[in-house]
Amino acid sequence: MNNQEEKSISRINKYRALCVKEPSIPLFSQAWWLDATAGENAWDVALVEKGGAVVAAMPYVSRKRYGFTLIGQTALTQTLGPWLRETGGKSATRLAQHKDWMRELIDQLPSFHHFSQNWNWMNDNWLPFYWAGFTQTTRYTYILHDLKDEDALWRGLRENIRSDIKKATRKFNLCVRSDLPIEDFLKLNRMTFARQSMALPYSEAFVKRLDRVCAERQARKIFIAKDEQDRCHAGVYIIWDNNSAYYLMGGGDPELRNSGATSLCMWEAIKFAATVTKRFDFEGSMIEPVERFFRAFGAQQTPYFTVSKTPSRILKTALFLRSLKGEQ
């Protein structure tokens, strides 16, 4: 192990210790999640320490592709970005601190050809990154911020969602199971991508490995709607921590799309989330039909940032040409 690798392991171990005692670090930035999605110690983190304590951190995943160094996030990792310790005090003082800490985080990043991260919605200040030459795109998620009142949640659903839920239970006699294996969910997940002529953006081995870790931590649940003929109609996969539940994946049988099963599974997931955490984050979508579906659950539209930088002229040109073709 060389000196750089030793320093990286030291940073990661400090960050592991921070994650154990700091509940404000979002789930997708937790060390255990990064281990599960990127591989143990196959990620790194920039740290700012003051007085022997970590006051700021930014985990990242660095990959080599075609000779380029790309910094981003792994499959199914919805957000990363900086974590900044909240110190209170005057706004001007806090912003000055955050400016200095973010500058230090940026300076610790390795040399890269392209950087892109989605930031957690609670991180609403990217100005120091702008000063360092980064750019920002605003995206949106939908969040139910208060899960305490089930009746209020039901009233908040659009009429079409309530109708779908009633249809699923009364007309199709669907029953939502949460004890079925990951293989049953993956079959539905595959069908959804196949219907759109899209390849899975992750391998099934990757999902199974992540599922095993989440299950061991009691941080995931799968909801699958089945009918009396034992057919699986649709499924919803959620994860959670003390702060929020997150809709991670979904799937459905295209031949059974009109049963209302997806709405029913999502409703059962929301009701369950109320027993284990504070919020429900649909994780948003910039795809109009998906956005419309999430919005219909009465959630609040919430902006978040995608922060990026491409020093490589070759990659910048390639990304520009891809955008002209309408690719994501």
Protein backbone atom coordinates (compact mmCIF):
# COMPACT_ATOMS: atom_id res chain seq x y z
CA MET A 1 0.00 0.00 0.00
CA ASN A 2 1.46 3.36 -1.04
CA ASN A 3 1.26 6.64 0.87
CA GLN A 4 -1.76 7.91 -1.09
CA GLU A 5 -3.69 4.73 -0.42
CA GLU A 6 -2.87 4.92 3.29
CA LYS A 7 -4.14 8.52 3.44
CA SER A 8 -7.33 7.50 1.65
CA ILE A 9 -7.98 4.65 4.09
CA SER A 10 -7.35 7.02 7.00
CA ARG A 11 -9.89 9.53 5.62
CA ILE A 12 -12.44 6.81 5.02
CA ASN A 13 -12.05 5.45 8.54
CA LYS A 14 -12.54 8.92 10.02
CA TYR A 15 -15.65 9.29 7.89
CA ARG A 16 -16.96 5.90 9.02
CA ALA A 17 -16.65 7.04 12.63
CA LEU A 18 -18.43 10.30 11.77
CA CYS A 19 -21.34 8.45 10.11
CA VAL A 20 -21.86 6.33 13.23
CA LYS A 21 -22.36 9.33 15.50
CA GLU A 22 -23.80 11.97 13.13
CA PRO A 23 -27.49 11.33 12.30
CA SER A 24 -27.76 14.30 9.93
CA ILE A 25 -25.66 12.58 7.24
CA PRO A 26 -28.14 11.42 4.55
CA LEU A 27 -28.55 7.72 3.82
CA PHE A 28 -26.92 7.85 0.38
CA SER A 29 -23.83 9.50 1.88
CA GLN A 30 -23.46 6.93 4.65
CA ALA A 31 -20.27 4.84 4.60
CA TRP A 32 -22.19 1.56 4.61
CA TRP A 33 -24.18 2.62 1.53
CA LEU A 34 -21.01 3.61 -0.31
CA ASP A 35 -19.42 0.27 0.62
CA ALA A 36 -22.47 -1.58 -0.73
CA THR A 37 -22.72 0.33 -4.01
CA ALA A 38 -19.10 1.17 -4.85
CA GLY A 39 -17.25 -1.54 -2.90
CA GLU A 40 -15.51 -1.36 0.44
CA ASN A 41 -12.84 1.35 0.34
CA ALA A 42 -13.51 1.77 -3.40
CA TRP A 43 -14.64 5.34 -2.76
CA ASP A 44 -13.02 8.32 -1.09
CA VAL A 45 -13.99 11.39 0.88
CA ALA A 46 -12.77 14.96 1.29
CA LEU A 47 -12.71 16.04 4.94
CA VAL A 48 -12.34 19.35 6.76
CA GLU A 49 -11.28 19.13 10.40
CA LYS A 50 -11.23 21.90 12.97
CA GLY A 51 -10.04 21.36 16.52
CA GLY A 52 -9.82 17.61 15.98
CA ALA A 53 -13.44 17.33 14.82
CA VAL A 54 -14.76 16.82 11.28
CA VAL A 55 -16.84 19.86 10.30
CA ALA A 56 -17.34 19.11 6.60
CA ALA A 57 -17.19 16.07 4.36
CA MET A 58 -17.87 15.17 0.74
CA PRO A 59 -17.76 11.50 -0.28
CA TYR A 60 -17.22 10.71 -3.95
CA VAL A 61 -16.64 7.84 -6.31
CA SER A 62 -13.86 8.14 -8.88
CA ARG A 63 -13.84 5.96 -12.00
CA LYS A 64 -11.50 5.57 -14.95
CA ARG A 65 -13.17 5.25 -18.34
CA TYR A 66 -11.43 5.42 -21.70
CA GLY A 67 -8.52 7.16 -20.00
CA PHE A 68 -10.72 9.81 -18.39
CA THR A 69 -11.16 10.30 -14.64
CA LEU A 70 -14.85 10.69 -13.80
CA ILE A 71 -16.10 11.69 -10.36
CA GLY A 72 -19.73 10.97 -9.66
CA GLN A 73 -21.97 8.51 -7.88
CA THR A 74 -22.83 4.85 -8.28
CA ALA A 75 -26.05 3.26 -9.55
CA LEU A 76 -29.08 3.76 -7.28
CA THR A 77 -27.22 6.43 -5.30
CA GLN A 78 -29.64 9.30 -5.63
CA THR A 79 -27.56 12.05 -4.03
CA LEU A 80 -24.13 12.79 -2.57
CA GLY A 81 -22.60 16.25 -2.19
CA PRO A 82 -21.15 18.08 0.80
CA TRP A 83 -22.16 17.54 4.40
CA LEU A 84 -21.58 20.61 6.59
CA ARG A 85 -21.82 20.63 10.36
CA GLU A 86 -24.53 23.01 11.53
CA THR A 87 -23.03 25.49 14.00
CA GLY A 88 -25.88 27.94 14.46
CA GLY A 89 -25.10 31.61 15.06
CA LYS A 90 -25.58 34.52 12.70
CA SER A 91 -26.36 33.78 9.09
CA ALA A 92 -23.41 35.82 7.81
CA THR A 93 -21.00 33.94 10.07
CA ARG A 94 -22.41 30.56 9.09
CA LEU A 95 -22.22 31.35 5.37
CA ALA A 96 -18.61 32.51 5.74
CA GLN A 97 -17.75 29.25 7.48
CA HIS A 98 -19.47 27.20 4.82
CA LYS A 99 -17.66 29.10 2.09
CA ASP A 100 -14.28 28.27 3.64
CA TRP A 101 -15.18 24.65 4.29
CA MET A 102 -16.48 24.08 0.76
CA ARG A 103 -13.36 25.66 -0.68
CA GLU A 104 -11.27 23.19 1.33
CA LEU A 105 -13.41 20.29 0.11
CA ILE A 106 -12.98 21.37 -3.51
CA ASP A 107 -9.21 21.72 -3.08
CA GLN A 108 -8.99 18.13 -1.82
CA LEU A 109 -10.66 16.61 -4.89
CA PRO A 110 -8.25 14.69 -7.12
CA SER A 111 -7.61 15.86 -10.65
CA PHE A 112 -10.58 14.92 -12.85
CA HIS A 113 -11.88 15.28 -16.39
CA HIS A 114 -15.55 15.36 -15.38
CA PHE A 115 -17.38 15.84 -12.07
CA SER A 116 -21.13 15.48 -11.54
CA GLN A 117 -23.08 14.93 -8.34
CA ASN A 118 -26.69 15.30 -7.30
CA TRP A 119 -26.89 17.04 -3.94
CA ASN A 120 -29.36 16.35 -1.17
CA TRP A 121 -32.22 18.86 -1.27
CA MET A 122 -31.29 20.19 2.17
CA ASN A 123 -27.97 21.44 0.80
CA ASP A 124 -29.17 24.72 -0.70
CA ASN A 125 -25.94 26.71 -1.13
CA TRP A 126 -23.63 25.86 -4.03
CA LEU A 127 -22.18 29.37 -4.45
CA PRO A 128 -18.59 28.43 -3.43
CA PHE A 129 -18.63 25.77 -6.16
CA TYR A 130 -19.79 28.39 -8.67
CA TRP A 131 -16.79 30.54 -7.73
CA ALA A 132 -14.59 27.50 -8.35
CA GLY A 133 -15.89 27.09 -11.91
CA PHE A 134 -18.63 24.51 -11.37
CA THR A 135 -22.08 24.76 -12.93
CA GLN A 136 -25.49 23.81 -11.56
CA THR A 137 -28.74 22.41 -12.92
CA THR A 138 -31.87 22.55 -10.78
CA ARG A 139 -33.87 19.34 -10.60
CA TYR A 140 -36.92 18.41 -8.56
CA THR A 141 -38.03 15.70 -6.20
CA TYR A 142 -41.36 15.28 -4.42
CA ILE A 143 -41.46 14.86 -0.65
CA LEU A 144 -44.14 14.14 1.92
CA HIS A 145 -42.70 16.03 4.86
CA ASP A 146 -45.19 14.89 7.50
CA LEU A 147 -46.36 11.28 7.71
CA LYS A 148 -48.10 11.44 11.08
CA ASP A 149 -51.72 11.81 9.94
CA GLU A 150 -52.83 8.99 7.63
CA ASP A 151 -56.22 10.59 7.02
CA ALA A 152 -54.54 13.80 5.90
CA LEU A 153 -52.24 11.82 3.60
CA TRP A 154 -55.26 10.09 2.06
CA ARG A 155 -57.04 13.40 1.52
CA GLY A 156 -53.87 14.72 -0.12
CA LEU A 157 -53.98 12.07 -2.85
CA ARG A 158 -55.43 13.10 -6.18
CA GLU A 159 -58.74 11.49 -7.01
CA ASN A 160 -57.24 9.26 -9.72
CA ILE A 161 -54.79 7.76 -7.21
CA ARG A 162 -57.54 7.08 -4.69
CA SER A 163 -59.60 5.50 -7.46
CA ASP A 164 -56.67 3.30 -8.49
CA ILE A 165 -56.16 2.11 -4.91
CA LYS A 166 -59.85 1.28 -4.51
CA LYS A 167 -59.92 -0.47 -7.89
CA ALA A 168 -56.86 -2.54 -7.00
CA THR A 169 -58.40 -3.83 -3.78
CA ARG A 170 -62.11 -4.02 -4.66
CA LYS A 171 -62.18 -4.95 -8.35
CA PHE A 172 -58.95 -6.91 -8.74
CA ASN A 173 -58.75 -8.18 -5.13
CA LEU A 174 -55.05 -7.44 -4.96
CA CYS A 175 -53.12 -8.18 -1.80
CA VAL A 176 -49.85 -6.38 -1.06
CA ARG A 177 -47.12 -8.70 0.21
CA SER A 178 -43.89 -7.55 1.86
CA ASP A 179 -42.38 -11.00 2.43
CA LEU A 180 -41.55 -11.98 -1.15
CA PRO A 181 -37.96 -12.51 -2.39
CA ILE A 182 -35.93 -9.95 -4.29
CA GLU A 183 -36.16 -12.18 -7.40
CA ASP A 184 -39.91 -11.54 -7.62
CA PHE A 185 -39.31 -7.80 -7.54
CA LEU A 186 -36.47 -7.94 -10.08
CA LYS A 187 -38.74 -9.73 -12.54
CA LEU A 188 -41.20 -6.82 -12.38
CA ASN A 189 -38.35 -4.32 -12.54
CA ARG A 190 -37.01 -5.97 -15.72
CA MET A 191 -40.45 -5.84 -17.31
CA THR A 192 -40.69 -2.07 -16.81
CA PHE A 193 -37.40 -1.40 -18.58
CA ALA A 194 -38.15 -3.94 -21.32
CA ARG A 195 -41.49 -2.24 -22.04
CA GLN A 196 -39.54 0.98 -22.73
CA SER A 197 -36.87 -0.89 -24.76
CA MET A 198 -34.28 0.15 -22.19
CA ALA A 199 -31.48 -1.86 -20.65
CA LEU A 200 -31.30 -2.15 -16.87
CA PRO A 201 -29.00 0.62 -15.55
CA TYR A 202 -27.54 -1.85 -13.05
CA SER A 203 -26.85 -5.56 -12.89
CA GLU A 204 -29.08 -7.91 -10.95
CA ALA A 205 -26.02 -9.07 -9.01
CA PHE A 206 -25.49 -5.44 -7.94
CA VAL A 207 -29.10 -5.11 -6.75
CA LYS A 208 -28.96 -8.40 -4.88
CA ARG A 209 -25.76 -7.37 -3.10
CA LEU A 210 -27.26 -4.02 -2.13
CA ASP A 211 -30.51 -5.67 -1.07
CA ARG A 212 -28.65 -8.07 1.19
CA VAL A 213 -26.87 -5.21 2.97
CA CYS A 214 -30.07 -3.16 3.35
CA ALA A 215 -31.97 -6.17 4.67
CA GLU A 216 -29.25 -6.89 7.21
CA ARG A 217 -29.54 -3.30 8.45
CA GLN A 218 -33.36 -3.54 8.45
CA ALA A 219 -33.43 -0.52 6.15
CA ARG A 220 -35.49 -1.76 3.21
CA LYS A 221 -38.89 -3.18 2.38
CA ILE A 222 -40.39 -4.54 -0.83
CA PHE A 223 -44.12 -4.20 -1.54
CA ILE A 224 -45.56 -6.46 -4.26
CA ALA A 225 -49.23 -6.61 -5.25
CA LYS A 226 -50.49 -10.10 -6.14
CA ASP A 227 -53.89 -11.27 -7.32
CA GLU A 228 -55.89 -14.41 -6.51
CA GLN A 229 -54.21 -16.22 -9.41
CA ASP A 230 -50.86 -15.56 -7.69
CA ARG A 231 -49.76 -13.14 -10.43
CA CYS A 232 -47.47 -10.29 -9.44
CA HIS A 233 -48.88 -7.02 -10.81
CA ALA A 234 -46.44 -4.37 -9.53
CA GLY A 235 -43.78 -3.74 -6.93
CA VAL A 236 -42.20 -0.87 -5.01
CA TYR A 237 -38.82 -0.97 -3.26
CA ILE A 238 -38.11 1.56 -0.50
CA ILE A 239 -35.19 2.22 1.83
CA TRP A 240 -35.03 4.46 4.90
CA ASP A 241 -33.06 6.00 7.73
CA ASN A 242 -34.18 8.06 10.71
CA ASN A 243 -34.75 11.12 8.53
CA SER A 244 -36.58 9.82 5.48
CA ALA A 245 -37.82 6.90 3.43
CA TYR A 246 -36.87 6.85 -0.25
CA TYR A 247 -38.57 5.28 -3.23
CA LEU A 248 -35.62 3.49 -4.81
CA MET A 249 -37.04 1.23 -7.54
CA GLY A 250 -40.31 0.07 -8.99
CA GLY A 251 -41.65 -2.33 -11.55
CA GLY A 252 -44.80 -3.74 -13.06
CA ASP A 253 -46.19 -6.30 -15.46
CA PRO A 254 -47.17 -4.34 -18.61
CA GLU A 255 -50.04 -6.74 -19.28
CA LEU A 256 -51.56 -5.90 -15.89
CA ARG A 257 -50.95 -2.15 -15.90
CA ASN A 258 -54.60 -1.15 -15.50
CA SER A 259 -55.17 -2.82 -12.15
CA GLY A 260 -54.03 0.16 -10.04
CA ALA A 261 -51.35 -2.02 -8.43
CA THR A 262 -48.55 0.55 -8.54
CA SER A 263 -50.65 3.16 -6.74
CA LEU A 264 -51.66 0.58 -4.15
CA CYS A 265 -48.05 -0.49 -3.53
CA MET A 266 -46.93 3.12 -3.21
CA TRP A 267 -49.73 3.86 -0.74
CA GLU A 268 -48.79 0.85 1.38
CA ALA A 269 -45.14 1.95 1.27
CA ILE A 270 -46.06 5.45 2.48
CA LYS A 271 -48.16 4.06 5.33
CA PHE A 272 -45.31 1.78 6.37
CA ALA A 273 -42.78 4.62 6.16
CA ALA A 274 -44.84 6.51 8.73
CA THR A 275 -43.96 3.81 11.27
CA VAL A 276 -40.19 4.05 10.83
CA THR A 277 -39.23 7.59 9.77
CA LYS A 278 -40.29 11.23 9.29
CA ARG A 279 -40.63 11.80 5.52
CA PHE A 280 -41.24 10.03 2.25
CA ASP A 281 -39.06 11.11 -0.67
CA PHE A 282 -40.23 9.97 -4.11
CA GLU A 283 -36.76 10.88 -5.44
CA GLY A 284 -38.36 12.85 -8.21
CA SER A 285 -38.06 12.55 -11.95
CA MET A 286 -37.55 14.95 -14.82
CA ILE A 287 -39.64 12.60 -17.00
CA GLU A 288 -43.08 14.20 -17.31
CA PRO A 289 -45.35 11.13 -16.86
CA VAL A 290 -43.34 9.95 -13.84
CA GLU A 291 -43.38 13.44 -12.32
CA ARG A 292 -47.13 13.60 -12.79
CA PHE A 293 -47.58 10.27 -10.99
CA PHE A 294 -45.40 11.28 -8.01
CA ARG A 295 -47.06 14.70 -7.76
CA ALA A 296 -50.46 13.03 -7.51
CA PHE A 297 -49.58 11.68 -4.07
CA GLY A 298 -49.81 15.16 -2.59
CA ALA A 299 -46.07 15.56 -2.07
CA GLN A 300 -44.31 18.93 -2.07
CA GLN A 301 -42.17 19.81 -5.09
CA THR A 302 -38.65 20.34 -3.77
CA PRO A 303 -35.64 21.53 -5.79
CA TYR A 304 -32.20 20.00 -5.56
CA PHE A 305 -28.93 20.68 -7.37
CA THR A 306 -26.88 18.74 -9.88
CA VAL A 307 -23.41 20.27 -9.63
CA SER A 308 -20.88 19.57 -12.37
CA LYS A 309 -17.61 20.59 -13.94
CA THR A 310 -15.85 19.35 -17.08
CA PRO A 311 -12.28 20.64 -17.44
CA SER A 312 -11.69 18.29 -20.39
CA ARG A 313 -12.50 20.02 -23.68
CA ILE A 314 -12.93 16.66 -25.41
CA LEU A 315 -15.48 15.47 -22.86
CA LYS A 316 -17.20 18.85 -22.79
CA THR A 317 -17.70 18.65 -26.57
CA ALA A 318 -18.94 15.05 -26.34
CA LEU A 319 -21.44 15.95 -23.61
CA PHE A 320 -22.66 18.92 -25.61
CA LEU A 321 -23.20 16.78 -28.72
CA ARG A 322 -25.05 14.21 -26.63
CA SER A 323 -27.32 16.92 -25.24
CA LEU A 324 -28.18 17.99 -28.78
CA LYS A 325 -29.42 14.46 -29.42
CA GLY A 326 -31.61 14.66 -26.33
CA GLU A 327 -29.73 11.96 -24.45
CA GLN A 328 -29.64 11.89 -20.64
